[in-house]
Each structure stands twice: as C-alpha cells, then as structure tokens.
C-alpha cells in the first residue's frame, strides 16, 4: 500500500523546485514544484518524493496521530 504522508518543509532551495523536509524525524529532499510559493514551516502531503499539496498544521497532526496509532512510518 502506498501512502502520502505529512511533512514539514525545513528549507527551500534557491531554485524553488526542491526543498528539505522533516518526514517522521528524518530530513529528506522533496520536489515542491507542484506547490505555489513553498516556505519553511509549511506542511505538505508527500508521495514518492513529491509534495502534492499544502495542509494545515492541525490536519498534519491528526494524520500523523492516526499513522502512529497504526505503527508509525517504519
């Protein structure tokens, strides 16, 4: 099963197309070219390395809570 998971952008590259994001405590490089004006601290849904859309911090927290209740991101 494939999941899109919440991630918090920590740094956006100068090109504006890639970013570093915190995904479950791990820093990953993601493609943010589908997001309008991505900024650090934005929460996004990531699937196969692409940020698909921006979400609220509340939605991210609720989604992560549900994921962790089912065994986490491992």
PDB file of N, CA and C in Angstrom:
ATOM      1  N   UNK A   1       0.842  -1.170   0.000  1.00  0.00           N
ATOM      2  CA  UNK A   1       0.000   0.000   0.000  1.00  0.00           C
ATOM      3  C   UNK A   1       0.892   1.240   0.000  1.00  0.00           C
ATOM      4  N   UNK A   2       0.526   2.227  -0.769  1.00  0.00           N
ATOM      5  CA  UNK A   2       1.255   3.497  -0.839  1.00  0.00           C
ATOM      6  C   UNK A   2       0.502   4.559  -0.057  1.00  0.00           C
ATOM      7  N   UNK A   3       1.250   5.333   0.686  1.00  0.00           N
ATOM      8  CA  UNK A   3       0.650   6.409   1.471  1.00  0.00           C
ATOM      9  C   UNK A   3       1.276   7.744   1.115  1.00  0.00           C
ATOM     10  N   UNK A   4       0.486   8.759   1.121  1.00  0.00           N
ATOM     11  CA  UNK A   4       1.001  10.124   1.095  1.00  0.00           C
ATOM     12  C   UNK A   4       1.047  10.562   2.553  1.00  0.00           C
ATOM     13  N   UNK A   5       2.177  11.099   2.977  1.00  0.00           N
ATOM     14  CA  UNK A   5       2.356  11.408   4.389  1.00  0.00           C
ATOM     15  C   UNK A   5       2.678  12.887   4.608  1.00  0.00           C
ATOM     16  N   UNK A   6       2.321  13.412   5.772  1.00  0.00           N
ATOM     17  CA  UNK A   6       2.626  14.808   6.078  1.00  0.00           C
ATOM     18  C   UNK A   6       4.125  15.014   6.280  1.00  0.00           C
ATOM     19  N   UNK A   7       4.605  16.145   5.821  1.00  0.00           N
ATOM     20  CA  UNK A   7       5.996  16.534   6.027  1.00  0.00           C
ATOM     21  C   UNK A   7       6.035  18.044   6.234  1.00  0.00           C
ATOM     22  N   UNK A   8       6.980  18.477   7.070  1.00  0.00           N
ATOM     23  CA  UNK A   8       7.157  19.912   7.317  1.00  0.00           C
ATOM     24  C   UNK A   8       8.387  20.378   6.557  1.00  0.00           C
ATOM     25  N   UNK A   9       8.211  21.352   5.693  1.00  0.00           N
ATOM     26  CA  UNK A   9       9.332  21.904   4.935  1.00  0.00           C
ATOM     27  C   UNK A   9      10.254  22.647   5.896  1.00  0.00           C
ATOM     28  N   UNK A  10      11.549  22.328   5.834  1.00  0.00           N
ATOM     29  CA  UNK A  10      12.522  22.990   6.704  1.00  0.00           C
ATOM     30  C   UNK A  10      13.382  23.999   5.952  1.00  0.00           C
ATOM     31  N   UNK A  11      13.568  23.778   4.645  1.00  0.00           N
ATOM     32  CA  UNK A  11      14.375  24.694   3.839  1.00  0.00           C
ATOM     33  C   UNK A  11      13.981  24.525   2.384  1.00  0.00           C
ATOM     34  N   UNK A  12      13.830  25.637   1.688  1.00  0.00           N
ATOM     35  CA  UNK A  12      13.529  25.609   0.252  1.00  0.00           C
ATOM     36  C   UNK A  12      14.798  25.996  -0.498  1.00  0.00           C
ATOM     37  N   UNK A  13      15.134  25.226  -1.518  1.00  0.00           N
ATOM     38  CA  UNK A  13      16.321  25.518  -2.328  1.00  0.00           C
ATOM     39  C   UNK A  13      16.125  26.817  -3.103  1.00  0.00           C
ATOM     40  N   UNK A  14      17.228  27.413  -3.507  1.00  0.00           N
ATOM     41  CA  UNK A  14      17.177  28.675  -4.253  1.00  0.00           C
ATOM     42  C   UNK A  14      16.372  28.560  -5.539  1.00  0.00           C
ATOM     43  N   UNK A  15      16.359  27.365  -6.144  1.00  0.00           N
ATOM     44  CA  UNK A  15      15.609  27.190  -7.399  1.00  0.00           C
ATOM     45  C   UNK A  15      14.100  27.149  -7.178  1.00  0.00           C
ATOM     46  N   UNK A  16      13.661  26.991  -5.908  1.00  0.00           N
ATOM     47  CA  UNK A  16      12.239  26.947  -5.591  1.00  0.00           C
ATOM     48  C   UNK A  16      11.538  25.671  -6.014  1.00  0.00           C
ATOM     49  N   UNK A  17      12.274  24.715  -6.563  1.00  0.00           N
ATOM     50  CA  UNK A  17      11.679  23.462  -7.044  1.00  0.00           C
ATOM     51  C   UNK A  17      11.905  22.298  -6.085  1.00  0.00           C
ATOM     52  N   UNK A  18      12.906  22.422  -5.231  1.00  0.00           N
ATOM     53  CA  UNK A  18      13.198  21.360  -4.279  1.00  0.00           C
ATOM     54  C   UNK A  18      13.282  21.950  -2.881  1.00  0.00           C
ATOM     55  N   UNK A  19      13.147  21.071  -1.900  1.00  0.00           N
ATOM     56  CA  UNK A  19      13.196  21.510  -0.508  1.00  0.00           C
ATOM     57  C   UNK A  19      13.666  20.356   0.354  1.00  0.00           C
ATOM     58  N   UNK A  20      14.101  20.693   1.546  1.00  0.00           N
ATOM     59  CA  UNK A  20      14.359  19.707   2.584  1.00  0.00           C
ATOM     60  C   UNK A  20      13.113  19.678   3.457  1.00  0.00           C
ATOM     61  N   UNK A  21      12.737  18.485   3.877  1.00  0.00           N
ATOM     62  CA  UNK A  21      11.533  18.349   4.691  1.00  0.00           C
ATOM     63  C   UNK A  21      11.760  17.331   5.793  1.00  0.00           C
ATOM     64  N   UNK A  22      11.123  17.576   6.925  1.00  0.00           N
ATOM     65  CA  UNK A  22      11.140  16.647   8.051  1.00  0.00           C
ATOM     66  C   UNK A  22       9.978  15.681   7.858  1.00  0.00           C
ATOM     67  N   UNK A  23      10.336  14.424   7.639  1.00  0.00           N
ATOM     68  CA  UNK A  23       9.326  13.373   7.464  1.00  0.00           C
ATOM     69  C   UNK A  23       9.554  12.353   8.568  1.00  0.00           C
ATOM     70  N   UNK A  24       8.738  12.413   9.595  1.00  0.00           N
ATOM     71  CA  UNK A  24       8.880  11.479  10.707  1.00  0.00           C
ATOM     72  C   UNK A  24      10.219  11.569  11.407  1.00  0.00           C
ATOM     73  N   UNK A  25      10.791  12.775  11.486  1.00  0.00           N
ATOM     74  CA  UNK A  25      12.065  12.966  12.157  1.00  0.00           C
ATOM     75  C   UNK A  25      13.281  12.765  11.270  1.00  0.00           C
ATOM     76  N   UNK A  26      13.071  12.466  10.001  1.00  0.00           N
ATOM     77  CA  UNK A  26      14.163  12.264   9.045  1.00  0.00           C
ATOM     78  C   UNK A  26      14.100  13.361   7.996  1.00  0.00           C
ATOM     79  N   UNK A  27      15.253  13.992   7.731  1.00  0.00           N
ATOM     80  CA  UNK A  27      15.323  15.026   6.692  1.00  0.00           C
ATOM     81  C   UNK A  27      15.412  14.363   5.324  1.00  0.00           C
ATOM     82  N   UNK A  28      14.530  14.742   4.436  1.00  0.00           N
ATOM     83  CA  UNK A  28      14.512  14.218   3.068  1.00  0.00           C
ATOM     84  C   UNK A  28      14.429  15.374   2.089  1.00  0.00           C
ATOM     85  N   UNK A  29      15.010  15.173   0.925  1.00  0.00           N
ATOM     86  CA  UNK A  29      14.865  16.130  -0.162  1.00  0.00           C
ATOM     87  C   UNK A  29      13.584  15.786  -0.916  1.00  0.00           C
ATOM     88  N   UNK A  30      12.743  16.787  -1.158  1.00  0.00           N
ATOM     89  CA  UNK A  30      11.486  16.558  -1.873  1.00  0.00           C
ATOM     90  C   UNK A  30      11.341  17.568  -3.004  1.00  0.00           C
ATOM     91  N   UNK A  31      10.519  17.224  -3.963  1.00  0.00           N
ATOM     92  CA  UNK A  31      10.199  18.116  -5.076  1.00  0.00           C
ATOM     93  C   UNK A  31       8.970  18.927  -4.679  1.00  0.00           C
ATOM     94  N   UNK A  32       9.085  20.247  -4.711  1.00  0.00           N
ATOM     95  CA  UNK A  32       7.970  21.117  -4.328  1.00  0.00           C
ATOM     96  C   UNK A  32       7.443  21.919  -5.515  1.00  0.00           C
ATOM     97  N   UNK A  33       7.753  21.473  -6.721  1.00  0.00           N
ATOM     98  CA  UNK A  33       7.362  22.230  -7.918  1.00  0.00           C
ATOM     99  C   UNK A  33       5.850  22.286  -8.120  1.00  0.00           C
ATOM    100  N   UNK A  34       5.097  21.410  -7.450  1.00  0.00           N
ATOM    101  CA  UNK A  34       3.637  21.422  -7.574  1.00  0.00           C
ATOM    102  C   UNK A  34       2.964  22.352  -6.562  1.00  0.00           C
ATOM    103  N   UNK A  35       3.755  22.929  -5.654  1.00  0.00           N
ATOM    104  CA  UNK A  35       3.237  23.795  -4.589  1.00  0.00           C
ATOM    105  C   UNK A  35       3.521  25.255  -4.946  1.00  0.00           C
ATOM    106  N   UNK A  36       2.510  26.103  -4.843  1.00  0.00           N
ATOM    107  CA  UNK A  36       2.712  27.538  -5.062  1.00  0.00           C
ATOM    108  C   UNK A  36       3.437  28.155  -3.872  1.00  0.00           C
ATOM    109  N   UNK A  37       4.566  28.786  -4.131  1.00  0.00           N
ATOM    110  CA  UNK A  37       5.312  29.556  -3.142  1.00  0.00           C
ATOM    111  C   UNK A  37       5.576  28.782  -1.839  1.00  0.00           C
ATOM    112  N   UNK A  38       6.274  27.627  -1.916  1.00  0.00           N
ATOM    113  CA  UNK A  38       6.564  26.870  -0.693  1.00  0.00           C
ATOM    114  C   UNK A  38       7.507  27.645   0.224  1.00  0.00           C
ATOM    115  N   UNK A  39       7.288  27.497   1.528  1.00  0.00           N
ATOM    116  CA  UNK A  39       8.091  28.211   2.522  1.00  0.00           C
ATOM    117  C   UNK A  39       8.436  27.266   3.673  1.00  0.00           C
ATOM    118  N   UNK A  40       9.552  27.546   4.376  1.00  0.00           N
ATOM    119  CA  UNK A  40       9.850  26.772   5.578  1.00  0.00           C
ATOM    120  C   UNK A  40       8.673  26.831   6.560  1.00  0.00           C
ATOM    121  N   UNK A  41       8.445  25.729   7.218  1.00  0.00           N
ATOM    122  CA  UNK A  41       7.363  25.512   8.185  1.00  0.00           C
ATOM    123  C   UNK A  41       6.014  25.230   7.536  1.00  0.00           C
ATOM    124  N   UNK A  42       5.916  25.257   6.207  1.00  0.00           N
ATOM    125  CA  UNK A  42       4.694  24.781   5.542  1.00  0.00           C
ATOM    126  C   UNK A  42       4.591  23.274   5.738  1.00  0.00           C
ATOM    127  N   UNK A  43       3.383  22.812   5.951  1.00  0.00           N
ATOM    128  CA  UNK A  43       3.111  21.377   5.978  1.00  0.00           C
ATOM    129  C   UNK A  43       2.558  20.976   4.620  1.00  0.00           C
ATOM    130  N   UNK A  44       3.066  19.858   4.102  1.00  0.00           N
ATOM    131  CA  UNK A  44       2.637  19.354   2.802  1.00  0.00           C
ATOM    132  C   UNK A  44       2.398  17.855   2.899  1.00  0.00           C
ATOM    133  N   UNK A  45       1.641  17.344   1.944  1.00  0.00           N
ATOM    134  CA  UNK A  45       1.467  15.899   1.794  1.00  0.00           C
ATOM    135  C   UNK A  45       2.467  15.444   0.737  1.00  0.00           C
ATOM    136  N   UNK A  46       3.289  14.436   1.085  1.00  0.00           N
ATOM    137  CA  UNK A  46       4.336  13.944   0.192  1.00  0.00           C
ATOM    138  C   UNK A  46       4.028  12.512  -0.232  1.00  0.00           C
ATOM    139  N   UNK A  47       4.165  12.274  -1.527  1.00  0.00           N
ATOM    140  CA  UNK A  47       4.023  10.920  -2.085  1.00  0.00           C
ATOM    141  C   UNK A  47       5.135  10.728  -3.104  1.00  0.00           C
ATOM    142  N   UNK A  48       5.876   9.654  -2.970  1.00  0.00           N
ATOM    143  CA  UNK A  48       7.029   9.305  -3.815  1.00  0.00           C
ATOM    144  C   UNK A  48       7.948  10.500  -4.078  1.00  0.00           C
ATOM    145  N   UNK A  49       8.194  11.294  -3.038  1.00  0.00           N
ATOM    146  CA  UNK A  49       9.140  12.387  -3.134  1.00  0.00           C
ATOM    147  C   UNK A  49       8.595  13.701  -3.654  1.00  0.00           C
ATOM    148  N   UNK A  50       7.309  13.744  -3.964  1.00  0.00           N
ATOM    149  CA  UNK A  50       6.687  14.969  -4.470  1.00  0.00           C
ATOM    150  C   UNK A  50       5.706  15.523  -3.445  1.00  0.00           C
ATOM    151  N   UNK A  51       5.825  16.812  -3.147  1.00  0.00           N
ATOM    152  CA  UNK A  51       4.824  17.487  -2.320  1.00  0.00           C
ATOM    153  C   UNK A  51       3.604  17.726  -3.204  1.00  0.00           C
ATOM    154  N   UNK A  52       2.482  17.127  -2.822  1.00  0.00           N
ATOM    155  CA  UNK A  52       1.279  17.198  -3.657  1.00  0.00           C
ATOM    156  C   UNK A  52       0.416  18.410  -3.350  1.00  0.00           C
ATOM    157  N   UNK A  53       0.287  18.742  -2.075  1.00  0.00           N
ATOM    158  CA  UNK A  53      -0.488  19.920  -1.694  1.00  0.00           C
ATOM    159  C   UNK A  53      -0.152  20.334  -0.266  1.00  0.00           C
ATOM    160  N   UNK A  54      -0.468  21.568   0.049  1.00  0.00           N
ATOM    161  CA  UNK A  54      -0.236  22.134   1.377  1.00  0.00           C
ATOM    162  C   UNK A  54      -1.414  21.736   2.274  1.00  0.00           C
ATOM    163  N   UNK A  55      -1.113  21.460   3.546  1.00  0.00           N
ATOM    164  CA  UNK A  55      -2.160  21.156   4.520  1.00  0.00           C
ATOM    165  C   UNK A  55      -1.923  22.009   5.767  1.00  0.00           C
ATOM    166  N   UNK A  56      -2.941  22.076   6.610  1.00  0.00           N
ATOM    167  CA  UNK A  56      -2.814  22.852   7.845  1.00  0.00           C
ATOM    168  C   UNK A  56      -1.996  22.057   8.872  1.00  0.00           C
ATOM    169  N   UNK A  57      -1.381  22.750   9.822  1.00  0.00           N
ATOM    170  CA  UNK A  57      -0.677  22.044  10.894  1.00  0.00           C
ATOM    171  C   UNK A  57      -1.607  21.105  11.671  1.00  0.00           C
ATOM    172  N   UNK A  58      -2.865  21.502  11.812  1.00  0.00           N
ATOM    173  CA  UNK A  58      -3.832  20.657  12.531  1.00  0.00           C
ATOM    174  C   UNK A  58      -4.104  19.366  11.767  1.00  0.00           C
ATOM    175  N   UNK A  59      -4.272  19.473  10.457  1.00  0.00           N
ATOM    176  CA  UNK A  59      -4.502  18.276   9.639  1.00  0.00           C
ATOM    177  C   UNK A  59      -3.271  17.375   9.663  1.00  0.00           C
ATOM    178  N   UNK A  60      -2.090  17.968   9.620  1.00  0.00           N
ATOM    179  CA  UNK A  60      -0.854  17.184   9.685  1.00  0.00           C
ATOM    180  C   UNK A  60      -0.773  16.429  11.008  1.00  0.00           C
ATOM    181  N   UNK A  61      -1.064  17.115  12.115  1.00  0.00           N
ATOM    182  CA  UNK A  61      -1.003  16.486  13.436  1.00  0.00           C
ATOM    183  C   UNK A  61      -1.994  15.339  13.550  1.00  0.00           C
ATOM    184  N   UNK A  62      -3.204  15.537  13.060  1.00  0.00           N
ATOM    185  CA  UNK A  62      -4.220  14.485  13.125  1.00  0.00           C
ATOM    186  C   UNK A  62      -3.817  13.285  12.271  1.00  0.00           C
ATOM    187  N   UNK A  63      -3.296  13.538  11.086  1.00  0.00           N
ATOM    188  CA  UNK A  63      -2.876  12.448  10.205  1.00  0.00           C
ATOM    189  C   UNK A  63      -1.712  11.678  10.821  1.00  0.00           C
ATOM    190  N   UNK A  64      -0.731  12.393  11.362  1.00  0.00           N
ATOM    191  CA  UNK A  64       0.404  11.723  12.000  1.00  0.00           C
ATOM    192  C   UNK A  64      -0.037  10.920  13.223  1.00  0.00           C
ATOM    193  N   UNK A  65      -1.001  11.430  13.954  1.00  0.00           N
ATOM    194  CA  UNK A  65      -1.546  10.702  15.104  1.00  0.00           C
ATOM    195  C   UNK A  65      -2.146   9.373  14.649  1.00  0.00           C
ATOM    196  N   UNK A  66      -2.902   9.394  13.564  1.00  0.00           N
ATOM    197  CA  UNK A  66      -3.504   8.165  13.033  1.00  0.00           C
ATOM    198  C   UNK A  66      -2.444   7.201  12.508  1.00  0.00           C
ATOM    199  N   UNK A  67      -1.445   7.730  11.816  1.00  0.00           N
ATOM    200  CA  UNK A  67      -0.357   6.877  11.307  1.00  0.00           C
ATOM    201  C   UNK A  67       0.380   6.221  12.466  1.00  0.00           C
ATOM    202  N   UNK A  68       0.693   6.994  13.503  1.00  0.00           N
ATOM    203  CA  UNK A  68       1.408   6.448  14.659  1.00  0.00           C
ATOM    204  C   UNK A  68       0.579   5.415  15.409  1.00  0.00           C
ATOM    205  N   UNK A  69      -0.728   5.591  15.446  1.00  0.00           N
ATOM    206  CA  UNK A  69      -1.602   4.615  16.098  1.00  0.00           C
ATOM    207  C   UNK A  69      -1.574   3.268  15.376  1.00  0.00           C
ATOM    208  N   UNK A  70      -1.230   3.295  14.102  1.00  0.00           N
ATOM    209  CA  UNK A  70      -1.162   2.065  13.299  1.00  0.00           C
ATOM    210  C   UNK A  70       0.259   1.531  13.163  1.00  0.00           C
ATOM    211  N   UNK A  71       1.180   2.041  13.963  1.00  0.00           N
ATOM    212  CA  UNK A  71       2.531   1.505  13.943  1.00  0.00           C
ATOM    213  C   UNK A  71       3.590   2.440  13.416  1.00  0.00           C
ATOM    214  N   UNK A  72       3.227   3.640  13.059  1.00  0.00           N
ATOM    215  CA  UNK A  72       4.208   4.636  12.640  1.00  0.00           C
ATOM    216  C   UNK A  72       4.600   4.559  11.189  1.00  0.00           C
ATOM    217  N   UNK A  73       5.665   5.267  10.872  1.00  0.00           N
ATOM    218  CA  UNK A  73       6.124   5.392   9.493  1.00  0.00           C
ATOM    219  C   UNK A  73       7.131   4.327   9.101  1.00  0.00           C
ATOM    220  N   UNK A  74       7.512   3.453  10.001  1.00  0.00           N
ATOM    221  CA  UNK A  74       8.535   2.448   9.678  1.00  0.00           C
ATOM    222  C   UNK A  74       8.030   1.358   8.771  1.00  0.00           C
TER     223      UNK A  74
END
